[in-house]
Amino acid sequence: MANLRQMRLSLGLTQVQLADLSGLRQATLSALENGQTQPHPATVKALAGALKLTPEKLQAALHSAHEDATSENIITQLSRDWSFLGDLDADLRGGLASSLLAEWTHSSTALEGNTITLGDTLFVLTEGLTISGKSLREHQELHGHSQALALMAGWTRKNRPIGINQLHQLHRAIQTGTTIDGLAPVGQWKIEPNGTTALTTSGTTEWHDYARPKHVPALTKQWLELLAKKSPPQTESTALHFYTDLHLGFVAIHPYADGNGRMARLLANVPVLRAGLPPLLIDSSQRRTYLTLLGDYSLSRGQPQPDQDLVFQNTQRQAVHDFFEACWQTSLELISSFHAKQVQRKK
């Protein structure tokens, strides 16, 4: 079956021309052609009309592209891109990659309220099927996160510099299937203020404002400079320090209308993965502790301003660091268990 790109080219159309004909954004078309998103029915209808196809035929082609991009191909890519898997046999690399793909995707989306279980997450990602009683949005969150994870893994393996375009690209992947909203753009900085009712470890609540929209470009530049300075750490201790600062810095800015937590948990792992270490994952069972510690820190540093240090080195930051250190043990122990299996095979 012809894919969307082949259909477009058969009509002699560029992405820009097809975007004009269908009324869609070029970025949306690019994501669809790469299997990085599943379209809203209205998007399918508009695109099918522009291509002179039935919506059913176009949907079948798009579904095929999406499944190709989200099943074994991602596991194969992660098996190649994650250097900490390098000395394992191929089957062990694949098994560990699929386990971490499911663990990371489940934990990060569950922290945001996704109710699909860990076992079902692996099923959705590897079999391409759906779970009865679960919403389309929840399934799209899983696929979007796995695509973003694969995208980031490629950057870390090739040590590519990460800039604003890469952040927007990652955000578009994370927000797969999100309904278009002019006040909550995808792949663009937020245009309206955002904040949260911060919950503290003492059980109190207090409103906290994230960075103002007009300050996002300058603060994000600071964050990118911080990331660039975090060259591959030489020790686990340094990697943990880098992860903590990058995580807290990104959350403090909250540069997008939605998806900031998932973005922070991905991006903070960049120097960790570049160092050849396994990712730091936050188990969803620790959600309350995670949120209250973030609440303590956020309230202690206040709304970020461009003329300040992005991350405050205070006792609240240290408490978050210690929490992250405890969380990381799960991944480290999982990696150790697989390496132990490898050693046993050689005896």
C-alpha atoms as a PDB file:
ATOM      1  CA  MET A   1       0.000   0.000   0.000  1.00  0.00           C
ATOM      2  CA  ALA A   2       1.301   3.460  -0.916  1.00  0.00           C
ATOM      3  CA  ASN A   3       2.167   5.656   2.028  1.00  0.00           C
ATOM      4  CA  LEU A   4       1.230   9.304   2.437  1.00  0.00           C
ATOM      5  CA  ARG A   5       4.500  10.597   0.998  1.00  0.00           C
ATOM      6  CA  GLN A   6       4.123   8.415  -2.093  1.00  0.00           C
ATOM      7  CA  MET A   7       0.530   9.576  -2.504  1.00  0.00           C
ATOM      8  CA  ARG A   8       1.622  13.198  -2.290  1.00  0.00           C
ATOM      9  CA  LEU A   9       4.497  12.767  -4.740  1.00  0.00           C
ATOM     10  CA  SER A  10       2.286  10.894  -7.217  1.00  0.00           C
ATOM     11  CA  LEU A  11       0.299  14.128  -7.505  1.00  0.00           C
ATOM     12  CA  GLY A  12       3.447  16.192  -7.892  1.00  0.00           C
ATOM     13  CA  LEU A  13       2.849  18.059  -4.622  1.00  0.00           C
ATOM     14  CA  THR A  14       5.321  19.377  -2.093  1.00  0.00           C
ATOM     15  CA  GLN A  15       4.460  19.319   1.605  1.00  0.00           C
ATOM     16  CA  VAL A  16       3.875  23.070   1.479  1.00  0.00           C
ATOM     17  CA  GLN A  17       1.463  22.716  -1.447  1.00  0.00           C
ATOM     18  CA  LEU A  18      -0.445  19.880   0.212  1.00  0.00           C
ATOM     19  CA  ALA A  19      -0.627  21.893   3.432  1.00  0.00           C
ATOM     20  CA  ASP A  20      -2.195  24.776   1.494  1.00  0.00           C
ATOM     21  CA  LEU A  21      -4.694  22.479  -0.227  1.00  0.00           C
ATOM     22  CA  SER A  22      -5.740  20.712   2.960  1.00  0.00           C
ATOM     23  CA  GLY A  23      -5.567  23.640   5.357  1.00  0.00           C
ATOM     24  CA  LEU A  24      -3.131  21.766   7.600  1.00  0.00           C
ATOM     25  CA  ARG A  25       0.255  22.793   8.971  1.00  0.00           C
ATOM     26  CA  GLN A  26       3.352  21.494   7.197  1.00  0.00           C
ATOM     27  CA  ALA A  27       4.638  20.196  10.540  1.00  0.00           C
ATOM     28  CA  THR A  28       1.493  18.073  10.858  1.00  0.00           C
ATOM     29  CA  LEU A  29       2.034  16.581   7.402  1.00  0.00           C
ATOM     30  CA  SER A  30       5.661  15.820   8.198  1.00  0.00           C
ATOM     31  CA  ALA A  31       4.665  14.011  11.403  1.00  0.00           C
ATOM     32  CA  LEU A  32       2.017  12.014   9.536  1.00  0.00           C
ATOM     33  CA  GLU A  33       4.429  10.992   6.783  1.00  0.00           C
ATOM     34  CA  ASN A  34       6.930   9.798   9.382  1.00  0.00           C
ATOM     35  CA  GLY A  35       4.329   7.852  11.343  1.00  0.00           C
ATOM     36  CA  GLN A  36       4.873  10.070  14.386  1.00  0.00           C
ATOM     37  CA  THR A  37       1.243  10.937  15.014  1.00  0.00           C
ATOM     38  CA  GLN A  38      -2.265   9.628  14.534  1.00  0.00           C
ATOM     39  CA  PRO A  39      -4.600  12.219  13.005  1.00  0.00           C
ATOM     40  CA  HIS A  40      -7.907  13.559  14.221  1.00  0.00           C
ATOM     41  CA  PRO A  41     -10.847  12.440  12.002  1.00  0.00           C
ATOM     42  CA  ALA A  42     -11.218  16.024  10.769  1.00  0.00           C
ATOM     43  CA  THR A  43      -7.573  15.968   9.678  1.00  0.00           C
ATOM     44  CA  VAL A  44      -8.115  12.732   7.754  1.00  0.00           C
ATOM     45  CA  LYS A  45     -11.154  14.181   6.023  1.00  0.00           C
ATOM     46  CA  ALA A  46      -9.351  17.375   4.989  1.00  0.00           C
ATOM     47  CA  LEU A  47      -6.276  15.501   3.783  1.00  0.00           C
ATOM     48  CA  ALA A  48      -8.288  12.865   1.920  1.00  0.00           C
ATOM     49  CA  GLY A  49     -10.171  15.611   0.086  1.00  0.00           C
ATOM     50  CA  ALA A  50      -6.929  17.267  -0.975  1.00  0.00           C
ATOM     51  CA  LEU A  51      -5.519  13.933  -2.200  1.00  0.00           C
ATOM     52  CA  LYS A  52      -8.807  12.912  -3.842  1.00  0.00           C
ATOM     53  CA  LEU A  53      -9.022   9.727  -1.763  1.00  0.00           C
ATOM     54  CA  THR A  54     -11.654   8.215   0.465  1.00  0.00           C
ATOM     55  CA  PRO A  55     -11.015   8.850   4.176  1.00  0.00           C
ATOM     56  CA  GLU A  56     -10.993   5.064   4.724  1.00  0.00           C
ATOM     57  CA  LYS A  57      -8.160   4.469   2.255  1.00  0.00           C
ATOM     58  CA  LEU A  58      -6.089   7.296   3.650  1.00  0.00           C
ATOM     59  CA  GLN A  59      -6.660   6.185   7.257  1.00  0.00           C
ATOM     60  CA  ALA A  60      -5.453   2.682   6.394  1.00  0.00           C
ATOM     61  CA  ALA A  61      -2.230   4.066   4.911  1.00  0.00           C
ATOM     62  CA  LEU A  62      -1.633   6.335   7.899  1.00  0.00           C
ATOM     63  CA  HIS A  63      -2.320   3.531  10.372  1.00  0.00           C
ATOM     64  CA  SER A  64       0.180   1.291   8.572  1.00  0.00           C
ATOM     65  CA  ALA A  65       2.876   3.968   8.715  1.00  0.00           C
ATOM     66  CA  HIS A  66       2.224   4.581  12.391  1.00  0.00           C
ATOM     67  CA  GLU A  67       2.407   0.907  13.310  1.00  0.00           C
ATOM     68  CA  ASP A  68       5.660   0.498  11.388  1.00  0.00           C
ATOM     69  CA  ALA A  69       7.124   3.385  13.345  1.00  0.00           C
ATOM     70  CA  THR A  70       6.000   2.282  16.794  1.00  0.00           C
ATOM     71  CA  SER A  71       6.637  -1.446  17.043  1.00  0.00           C
ATOM     72  CA  GLU A  72       9.804  -3.464  16.522  1.00  0.00           C
ATOM     73  CA  ASN A  73      11.554  -0.615  14.707  1.00  0.00           C
ATOM     74  CA  ILE A  74      11.740   1.457  17.874  1.00  0.00           C
ATOM     75  CA  ILE A  75      13.049  -1.441  19.950  1.00  0.00           C
ATOM     76  CA  THR A  76      15.674  -2.151  17.292  1.00  0.00           C
ATOM     77  CA  GLN A  77      16.691   1.503  17.291  1.00  0.00           C
ATOM     78  CA  LEU A  78      16.943   1.672  21.072  1.00  0.00           C
ATOM     79  CA  SER A  79      18.993  -1.540  21.093  1.00  0.00           C
ATOM     80  CA  ARG A  80      21.443   0.258  18.813  1.00  0.00           C
ATOM     81  CA  ASP A  81      21.352   3.754  20.314  1.00  0.00           C
ATOM     82  CA  TRP A  82      21.626   2.958  24.025  1.00  0.00           C
ATOM     83  CA  SER A  83      25.318   2.320  24.532  1.00  0.00           C
ATOM     84  CA  PHE A  84      24.813   0.708  27.958  1.00  0.00           C
ATOM     85  CA  LEU A  85      23.312  -2.262  26.071  1.00  0.00           C
ATOM     86  CA  GLY A  86      26.334  -2.656  23.808  1.00  0.00           C
ATOM     87  CA  ASP A  87      28.049  -5.754  25.249  1.00  0.00           C
ATOM     88  CA  LEU A  88      24.882  -7.823  25.652  1.00  0.00           C
ATOM     89  CA  ASP A  89      23.779 -10.527  23.236  1.00  0.00           C
ATOM     90  CA  ALA A  90      21.219  -9.386  20.680  1.00  0.00           C
ATOM     91  CA  ASP A  91      18.256 -11.074  22.379  1.00  0.00           C
ATOM     92  CA  LEU A  92      19.193  -9.635  25.771  1.00  0.00           C
ATOM     93  CA  ARG A  93      19.620  -6.167  24.244  1.00  0.00           C
ATOM     94  CA  GLY A  94      16.191  -6.417  22.634  1.00  0.00           C
ATOM     95  CA  GLY A  95      14.549  -7.690  25.800  1.00  0.00           C
ATOM     96  CA  LEU A  96      16.086  -4.991  27.956  1.00  0.00           C
ATOM     97  CA  ALA A  97      15.282  -2.262  25.407  1.00  0.00           C
ATOM     98  CA  SER A  98      11.630  -3.325  25.224  1.00  0.00           C
ATOM     99  CA  SER A  99      11.408  -3.485  29.018  1.00  0.00           C
ATOM    100  CA  LEU A 100      12.855   0.018  29.435  1.00  0.00           C
ATOM    101  CA  LEU A 101      10.698   1.378  26.600  1.00  0.00           C
ATOM    102  CA  ALA A 102       7.593   0.155  28.412  1.00  0.00           C
ATOM    103  CA  GLU A 103       8.833   1.192  31.878  1.00  0.00           C
ATOM    104  CA  TRP A 104       9.795   4.708  30.778  1.00  0.00           C
ATOM    105  CA  THR A 105       6.650   5.302  28.735  1.00  0.00           C
ATOM    106  CA  HIS A 106       4.353   3.907  31.416  1.00  0.00           C
ATOM    107  CA  SER A 107       5.961   5.711  34.342  1.00  0.00           C
ATOM    108  CA  SER A 108       6.125   9.118  32.680  1.00  0.00           C
ATOM    109  CA  THR A 109       2.582   9.048  31.273  1.00  0.00           C
ATOM    110  CA  ALA A 110       1.140   7.534  34.462  1.00  0.00           C
ATOM    111  CA  LEU A 111       2.617  10.431  36.443  1.00  0.00           C
ATOM    112  CA  GLU A 112       0.381  12.653  34.287  1.00  0.00           C
ATOM    113  CA  GLY A 113      -2.726  10.533  34.904  1.00  0.00           C
ATOM    114  CA  ASN A 114      -2.627   7.876  32.169  1.00  0.00           C
ATOM    115  CA  THR A 115      -4.362   4.733  33.497  1.00  0.00           C
ATOM    116  CA  ILE A 116      -2.986   2.088  31.098  1.00  0.00           C
ATOM    117  CA  THR A 117      -0.968  -0.435  33.129  1.00  0.00           C
ATOM    118  CA  LEU A 118       2.696  -1.286  32.617  1.00  0.00           C
ATOM    119  CA  GLY A 119       1.896  -4.687  31.107  1.00  0.00           C
ATOM    120  CA  ASP A 120      -0.675  -3.201  28.769  1.00  0.00           C
ATOM    121  CA  THR A 121       1.748  -0.438  27.788  1.00  0.00           C
ATOM    122  CA  LEU A 122       4.182  -3.041  26.475  1.00  0.00           C
ATOM    123  CA  PHE A 123       1.289  -4.759  24.693  1.00  0.00           C
ATOM    124  CA  VAL A 124       0.132  -1.526  23.036  1.00  0.00           C
ATOM    125  CA  LEU A 125       3.628  -0.552  21.917  1.00  0.00           C
ATOM    126  CA  THR A 126       4.786  -3.951  20.649  1.00  0.00           C
ATOM    127  CA  GLU A 127       1.548  -5.404  19.279  1.00  0.00           C
ATOM    128  CA  GLY A 128      -0.034  -2.211  17.962  1.00  0.00           C
ATOM    129  CA  LEU A 129      -3.394  -3.078  19.498  1.00  0.00           C
ATOM    130  CA  THR A 130      -5.682  -1.210  21.872  1.00  0.00           C
ATOM    131  CA  ILE A 131      -6.912  -1.884  25.405  1.00  0.00           C
ATOM    132  CA  SER A 132     -10.650  -2.181  25.897  1.00  0.00           C
ATOM    133  CA  GLY A 133     -12.106   0.594  28.015  1.00  0.00           C
ATOM    134  CA  LYS A 134      -9.130   2.915  27.592  1.00  0.00           C
ATOM    135  CA  SER A 135      -9.434   6.183  25.695  1.00  0.00           C
ATOM    136  CA  LEU A 136      -7.860   7.052  22.367  1.00  0.00           C
ATOM    137  CA  ARG A 137      -6.029   9.880  24.112  1.00  0.00           C
ATOM    138  CA  GLU A 138      -4.319   7.476  26.515  1.00  0.00           C
ATOM    139  CA  HIS A 139      -3.190   5.236  23.640  1.00  0.00           C
ATOM    140  CA  GLN A 140      -1.901   8.247  21.720  1.00  0.00           C
ATOM    141  CA  GLU A 141       0.077   9.379  24.768  1.00  0.00           C
ATOM    142  CA  LEU A 142       1.890   6.035  24.828  1.00  0.00           C
ATOM    143  CA  HIS A 143       2.715   6.119  21.124  1.00  0.00           C
ATOM    144  CA  GLY A 144       3.756   9.761  21.294  1.00  0.00           C
ATOM    145  CA  HIS A 145       6.085   9.165  24.235  1.00  0.00           C
ATOM    146  CA  SER A 146       7.710   6.138  22.595  1.00  0.00           C
ATOM    147  CA  GLN A 147       8.309   8.160  19.426  1.00  0.00           C
ATOM    148  CA  ALA A 148       9.829  10.997  21.438  1.00  0.00           C
ATOM    149  CA  LEU A 149      12.021   8.540  23.319  1.00  0.00           C
ATOM    150  CA  ALA A 150      13.344   7.043  20.074  1.00  0.00           C
ATOM    151  CA  LEU A 151      13.937  10.507  18.665  1.00  0.00           C
ATOM    152  CA  MET A 152      15.951  11.557  21.713  1.00  0.00           C
ATOM    153  CA  ALA A 153      17.916   8.291  21.777  1.00  0.00           C
ATOM    154  CA  GLY A 154      19.157   9.020  18.260  1.00  0.00           C
ATOM    155  CA  TRP A 155      20.336  12.472  19.308  1.00  0.00           C
ATOM    156  CA  THR A 156      22.262  11.097  22.271  1.00  0.00           C
ATOM    157  CA  ARG A 157      23.971   8.320  20.299  1.00  0.00           C
ATOM    158  CA  LYS A 158      25.138  10.735  17.611  1.00  0.00           C
ATOM    159  CA  ASN A 159      25.898  13.438  20.191  1.00  0.00           C
ATOM    160  CA  ARG A 160      23.900  15.929  18.185  1.00  0.00           C
ATOM    161  CA  PRO A 161      23.507  19.428  19.612  1.00  0.00           C
ATOM    162  CA  ILE A 162      20.021  20.102  20.920  1.00  0.00           C
ATOM    163  CA  GLY A 163      18.459  23.479  20.195  1.00  0.00           C
ATOM    164  CA  ILE A 164      15.048  25.081  19.971  1.00  0.00           C
ATOM    165  CA  ASN A 165      14.074  23.183  16.807  1.00  0.00           C
ATOM    166  CA  GLN A 166      14.818  19.873  18.528  1.00  0.00           C
ATOM    167  CA  LEU A 167      12.771  20.877  21.575  1.00  0.00           C
ATOM    168  CA  HIS A 168       9.798  21.748  19.368  1.00  0.00           C
ATOM    169  CA  GLN A 169      10.214  18.488  17.435  1.00  0.00           C
ATOM    170  CA  LEU A 170      10.229  16.485  20.666  1.00  0.00           C
ATOM    171  CA  HIS A 171       7.148  18.356  21.869  1.00  0.00           C
ATOM    172  CA  ARG A 172       5.254  17.541  18.669  1.00  0.00           C
ATOM    173  CA  ALA A 173       6.043  13.858  19.216  1.00  0.00           C
ATOM    174  CA  ILE A 174       4.969  13.979  22.875  1.00  0.00           C
ATOM    175  CA  GLN A 175       1.714  15.691  21.925  1.00  0.00           C
ATOM    176  CA  THR A 176       0.744  13.129  19.277  1.00  0.00           C
ATOM    177  CA  GLY A 177      -2.990  13.243  18.641  1.00  0.00           C
ATOM    178  CA  THR A 178      -3.525  16.471  20.602  1.00  0.00           C
ATOM    179  CA  THR A 179      -6.488  18.475  19.372  1.00  0.00           C
ATOM    180  CA  ILE A 180      -5.394  21.713  17.729  1.00  0.00           C
ATOM    181  CA  ASP A 181      -5.940  24.641  20.094  1.00  0.00           C
ATOM    182  CA  GLY A 182      -4.840  28.148  19.225  1.00  0.00           C
ATOM    183  CA  LEU A 183      -4.249  28.937  22.899  1.00  0.00           C
ATOM    184  CA  ALA A 184      -2.237  25.743  23.518  1.00  0.00           C
ATOM    185  CA  PRO A 185      -0.007  25.358  20.444  1.00  0.00           C
ATOM    186  CA  VAL A 186       1.968  22.169  19.790  1.00  0.00           C
ATOM    187  CA  GLY A 187       5.642  22.521  18.923  1.00  0.00           C
ATOM    188  CA  GLN A 188       5.604  26.195  19.898  1.00  0.00           C
ATOM    189  CA  TRP A 189       6.163  28.119  23.107  1.00  0.00           C
ATOM    190  CA  LYS A 190       3.168  28.754  25.322  1.00  0.00           C
ATOM    191  CA  ILE A 191       1.291  31.977  24.632  1.00  0.00           C
ATOM    192  CA  GLU A 192      -0.671  32.151  27.874  1.00  0.00           C
ATOM    193  CA  PRO A 193       0.605  32.116  31.481  1.00  0.00           C
ATOM    194  CA  ASN A 194       0.516  28.794  33.303  1.00  0.00           C
ATOM    195  CA  GLY A 195       0.872  27.751  36.903  1.00  0.00           C
ATOM    196  CA  THR A 196      -0.126  25.080  39.385  1.00  0.00           C
ATOM    197  CA  THR A 197      -1.408  24.576  42.899  1.00  0.00           C
ATOM    198  CA  ALA A 198       1.809  23.280  44.429  1.00  0.00           C
ATOM    199  CA  LEU A 199       1.458  20.537  47.046  1.00  0.00           C
ATOM    200  CA  THR A 200       4.191  20.531  49.691  1.00  0.00           C
ATOM    201  CA  THR A 201       5.686  17.803  51.858  1.00  0.00           C
ATOM    202  CA  SER A 202       4.094  19.478  54.890  1.00  0.00           C
ATOM    203  CA  GLY A 203       0.648  18.938  53.370  1.00  0.00           C
ATOM    204  CA  THR A 204      -0.088  22.554  52.488  1.00  0.00           C
ATOM    205  CA  THR A 205      -0.943  23.956  49.077  1.00  0.00           C
ATOM    206  CA  GLU A 206       0.039  27.239  47.450  1.00  0.00           C
ATOM    207  CA  TRP A 207      -0.309  28.667  43.958  1.00  0.00           C
ATOM    208  CA  HIS A 208       2.906  28.800  41.911  1.00  0.00           C
ATOM    209  CA  ASP A 209       3.390  30.599  38.595  1.00  0.00           C
ATOM    210  CA  TYR A 210       5.784  29.209  36.027  1.00  0.00           C
ATOM    211  CA  ALA A 211       7.810  31.533  33.801  1.00  0.00           C
ATOM    212  CA  ARG A 212       5.944  34.274  31.947  1.00  0.00           C
ATOM    213  CA  PRO A 213       5.454  33.599  28.231  1.00  0.00           C
ATOM    214  CA  LYS A 214       7.527  36.653  27.302  1.00  0.00           C
ATOM    215  CA  HIS A 215      10.468  35.286  29.331  1.00  0.00           C
ATOM    216  CA  VAL A 216      10.406  31.768  27.836  1.00  0.00           C
ATOM    217  CA  PRO A 217      12.867  32.407  24.934  1.00  0.00           C
ATOM    218  CA  ALA A 218      15.525  33.913  27.219  1.00  0.00           C
ATOM    219  CA  LEU A 219      15.079  31.296  29.953  1.00  0.00           C
ATOM    220  CA  THR A 220      15.101  28.430  27.464  1.00  0.00           C
ATOM    221  CA  LYS A 221      18.342  29.804  26.051  1.00  0.00           C
ATOM    222  CA  GLN A 222      19.764  29.584  29.585  1.00  0.00           C
ATOM    223  CA  TRP A 223      18.497  26.013  29.884  1.00  0.00           C
ATOM    224  CA  LEU A 224      20.051  25.019  26.536  1.00  0.00           C
ATOM    225  CA  GLU A 225      23.352  26.563  27.635  1.00  0.00           C
ATOM    226  CA  LEU A 226      23.106  24.513  30.824  1.00  0.00           C
ATOM    227  CA  LEU A 227      22.503  21.365  28.766  1.00  0.00           C
ATOM    228  CA  ALA A 228      25.447  22.154  26.486  1.00  0.00           C
ATOM    229  CA  LYS A 229      27.714  22.499  29.531  1.00  0.00           C
ATOM    230  CA  LYS A 230      26.657  19.118  30.799  1.00  0.00           C
ATOM    231  CA  SER A 231      29.115  17.199  28.664  1.00  0.00           C
ATOM    232  CA  PRO A 232      28.993  13.432  29.220  1.00  0.00           C
ATOM    233  CA  PRO A 233      29.595  13.023  32.971  1.00  0.00           C
ATOM    234  CA  GLN A 234      32.356  10.720  34.114  1.00  0.00           C
ATOM    235  CA  THR A 235      30.599   9.331  37.184  1.00  0.00           C
ATOM    236  CA  GLU A 236      27.104   8.363  38.268  1.00  0.00           C
ATOM    237  CA  SER A 237      27.257  11.086  40.925  1.00  0.00           C
ATOM    238  CA  THR A 238      27.897  13.786  38.336  1.00  0.00           C
ATOM    239  CA  ALA A 239      25.211  12.378  36.045  1.00  0.00           C
ATOM    240  CA  LEU A 240      22.700  12.555  38.889  1.00  0.00           C
ATOM    241  CA  HIS A 241      23.656  16.183  39.563  1.00  0.00           C
ATOM    242  CA  PHE A 242      23.172  17.048  35.883  1.00  0.00           C
ATOM    243  CA  TYR A 243      19.821  15.247  35.722  1.00  0.00           C
ATOM    244  CA  THR A 244      18.530  17.111  38.773  1.00  0.00           C
ATOM    245  CA  ASP A 245      19.468  20.573  37.492  1.00  0.00           C
ATOM    246  CA  LEU A 246      18.147  19.986  33.978  1.00  0.00           C
ATOM    247  CA  HIS A 247      14.890  18.529  35.285  1.00  0.00           C
ATOM    248  CA  LEU A 248      14.274  21.343  37.752  1.00  0.00           C
ATOM    249  CA  GLY A 249      15.329  24.013  35.272  1.00  0.00           C
ATOM    250  CA  PHE A 250      12.940  22.833  32.571  1.00  0.00           C
ATOM    251  CA  VAL A 251      10.012  22.413  34.964  1.00  0.00           C
ATOM    252  CA  ALA A 252      10.619  25.899  36.366  1.00  0.00           C
ATOM    253  CA  ILE A 253      10.245  27.416  32.888  1.00  0.00           C
ATOM    254  CA  HIS A 254       7.341  25.201  31.782  1.00  0.00           C
ATOM    255  CA  PRO A 255       7.795  26.561  28.243  1.00  0.00           C
ATOM    256  CA  TYR A 256       4.865  24.711  26.655  1.00  0.00           C
ATOM    257  CA  ALA A 257       1.146  24.761  27.293  1.00  0.00           C
ATOM    258  CA  ASP A 258       1.193  21.006  28.022  1.00  0.00           C
ATOM    259  CA  GLY A 259       3.611  18.072  28.109  1.00  0.00           C
ATOM    260  CA  ASN A 260       6.305  19.810  30.184  1.00  0.00           C
ATOM    261  CA  GLY A 261       6.697  17.034  32.740  1.00  0.00           C
ATOM    262  CA  ARG A 262       7.181  14.334  30.115  1.00  0.00           C
ATOM    263  CA  MET A 263       9.615  16.610  28.268  1.00  0.00           C
ATOM    264  CA  ALA A 264      11.625  17.281  31.444  1.00  0.00           C
ATOM    265  CA  ARG A 265      11.916  13.583  32.288  1.00  0.00           C
ATOM    266  CA  LEU A 266      13.156  12.849  28.766  1.00  0.00           C
ATOM    267  CA  LEU A 267      15.540  15.764  28.315  1.00  0.00           C
ATOM    268  CA  ALA A 268      17.148  15.526  31.760  1.00  0.00           C
ATOM    269  CA  ASN A 269      18.313  12.047  30.748  1.00  0.00           C
ATOM    270  CA  VAL A 270      20.301  13.342  27.749  1.00  0.00           C
ATOM    271  CA  PRO A 271      23.659  13.659  29.576  1.00  0.00           C
ATOM    272  CA  VAL A 272      22.927  10.425  31.455  1.00  0.00           C
ATOM    273  CA  LEU A 273      22.491   8.461  28.232  1.00  0.00           C
ATOM    274  CA  ARG A 274      25.426  10.203  26.567  1.00  0.00           C
ATOM    275  CA  ALA A 275      27.580   8.947  29.426  1.00  0.00           C
ATOM    276  CA  GLY A 276      26.542   5.379  28.621  1.00  0.00           C
ATOM    277  CA  LEU A 277      24.383   5.075  31.724  1.00  0.00           C
ATOM    278  CA  PRO A 278      20.805   3.762  31.970  1.00  0.00           C
ATOM    279  CA  PRO A 279      17.975   6.304  32.235  1.00  0.00           C
ATOM    280  CA  LEU A 280      16.655   7.618  35.512  1.00  0.00           C
ATOM    281  CA  LEU A 281      12.955   6.723  35.714  1.00  0.00           C
ATOM    282  CA  ILE A 282      10.412   7.855  38.297  1.00  0.00           C
ATOM    283  CA  ASP A 283       7.973   5.121  39.268  1.00  0.00           C
ATOM    284  CA  SER A 284       4.359   6.253  39.200  1.00  0.00           C
ATOM    285  CA  SER A 285       3.869   4.787  42.688  1.00  0.00           C
ATOM    286  CA  GLN A 286       6.112   7.629  43.891  1.00  0.00           C
ATOM    287  CA  ARG A 287       3.887  10.285  42.296  1.00  0.00           C
ATOM    288  CA  ARG A 288       2.908  12.050  45.516  1.00  0.00           C
ATOM    289  CA  THR A 289       6.468  12.219  46.815  1.00  0.00           C
ATOM    290  CA  TYR A 290       7.666  13.462  43.442  1.00  0.00           C
ATOM    291  CA  LEU A 291       5.028  16.188  43.237  1.00  0.00           C
ATOM    292  CA  THR A 292       5.453  17.381  46.822  1.00  0.00           C
ATOM    293  CA  LEU A 293       9.227  17.637  46.487  1.00  0.00           C
ATOM    294  CA  LEU A 294       8.803  19.571  43.250  1.00  0.00           C
ATOM    295  CA  GLY A 295       6.265  21.725  45.065  1.00  0.00           C
ATOM    296  CA  ASP A 296       8.722  22.483  47.878  1.00  0.00           C
ATOM    297  CA  TYR A 297      11.428  23.423  45.395  1.00  0.00           C
ATOM    298  CA  SER A 298       9.173  25.482  43.112  1.00  0.00           C
ATOM    299  CA  LEU A 299       7.861  27.565  45.981  1.00  0.00           C
ATOM    300  CA  SER A 300      11.358  28.066  47.368  1.00  0.00           C
ATOM    301  CA  ARG A 301      12.697  29.472  44.101  1.00  0.00           C
ATOM    302  CA  GLY A 302       9.590  31.363  42.962  1.00  0.00           C
ATOM    303  CA  GLN A 303       8.772  32.389  39.423  1.00  0.00           C
ATOM    304  CA  PRO A 304      11.971  32.296  37.317  1.00  0.00           C
ATOM    305  CA  GLN A 305      13.333  35.532  35.888  1.00  0.00           C
ATOM    306  CA  PRO A 306      15.901  35.955  33.073  1.00  0.00           C
ATOM    307  CA  ASP A 307      18.358  37.786  35.350  1.00  0.00           C
ATOM    308  CA  GLN A 308      18.520  34.901  37.883  1.00  0.00           C
ATOM    309  CA  ASP A 309      20.332  31.581  38.056  1.00  0.00           C
ATOM    310  CA  LEU A 310      18.010  29.054  36.489  1.00  0.00           C
ATOM    311  CA  VAL A 311      18.444  26.490  39.278  1.00  0.00           C
ATOM    312  CA  PHE A 312      18.728  27.399  42.956  1.00  0.00           C
ATOM    313  CA  GLN A 313      21.171  25.212  44.914  1.00  0.00           C
ATOM    314  CA  ASN A 314      19.212  25.013  48.166  1.00  0.00           C
ATOM    315  CA  THR A 315      18.012  22.358  50.608  1.00  0.00           C
ATOM    316  CA  GLN A 316      14.830  21.790  48.582  1.00  0.00           C
ATOM    317  CA  ARG A 317      16.923  21.079  45.489  1.00  0.00           C
ATOM    318  CA  GLN A 318      19.025  18.617  47.498  1.00  0.00           C
ATOM    319  CA  ALA A 319      15.885  16.791  48.634  1.00  0.00           C
ATOM    320  CA  VAL A 320      14.821  16.366  44.995  1.00  0.00           C
ATOM    321  CA  HIS A 321      18.346  15.164  44.136  1.00  0.00           C
ATOM    322  CA  ASP A 322      18.199  12.523  46.890  1.00  0.00           C
ATOM    323  CA  PHE A 323      14.771  11.369  45.707  1.00  0.00           C
ATOM    324  CA  PHE A 324      16.048  11.018  42.138  1.00  0.00           C
ATOM    325  CA  GLU A 325      19.027   9.023  43.415  1.00  0.00           C
ATOM    326  CA  ALA A 326      16.697   6.518  45.079  1.00  0.00           C
ATOM    327  CA  CYS A 327      14.543   6.291  41.934  1.00  0.00           C
ATOM    328  CA  TRP A 328      17.557   5.586  39.743  1.00  0.00           C
ATOM    329  CA  GLN A 329      18.416   2.416  41.640  1.00  0.00           C
ATOM    330  CA  THR A 330      15.611   0.530  39.869  1.00  0.00           C
ATOM    331  CA  SER A 331      17.133   1.096  36.419  1.00  0.00           C
ATOM    332  CA  LEU A 332      20.661   0.435  37.639  1.00  0.00           C
ATOM    333  CA  GLU A 333      19.590  -2.846  39.233  1.00  0.00           C
ATOM    334  CA  LEU A 334      17.680  -3.892  36.093  1.00  0.00           C
ATOM    335  CA  ILE A 335      20.780  -3.312  33.962  1.00  0.00           C
ATOM    336  CA  SER A 336      22.910  -5.223  36.429  1.00  0.00           C
ATOM    337  CA  SER A 337      20.548  -8.198  36.305  1.00  0.00           C
ATOM    338  CA  PHE A 338      20.803  -8.393  32.515  1.00  0.00           C
ATOM    339  CA  HIS A 339      24.587  -8.141  32.618  1.00  0.00           C
ATOM    340  CA  ALA A 340      24.573 -10.939  35.189  1.00  0.00           C
ATOM    341  CA  LYS A 341      22.614 -13.064  32.703  1.00  0.00           C
ATOM    342  CA  GLN A 342      25.272 -12.302  30.102  1.00  0.00           C
ATOM    343  CA  VAL A 343      28.034 -13.403  32.447  1.00  0.00           C
ATOM    344  CA  GLN A 344      26.188 -16.647  33.211  1.00  0.00           C
ATOM    345  CA  ARG A 345      25.970 -17.424  29.486  1.00  0.00           C
ATOM    346  CA  LYS A 346      29.742 -17.244  29.146  1.00  0.00           C
ATOM    347  CA  LYS A 347      30.444 -19.699  31.963  1.00  0.00           C
END
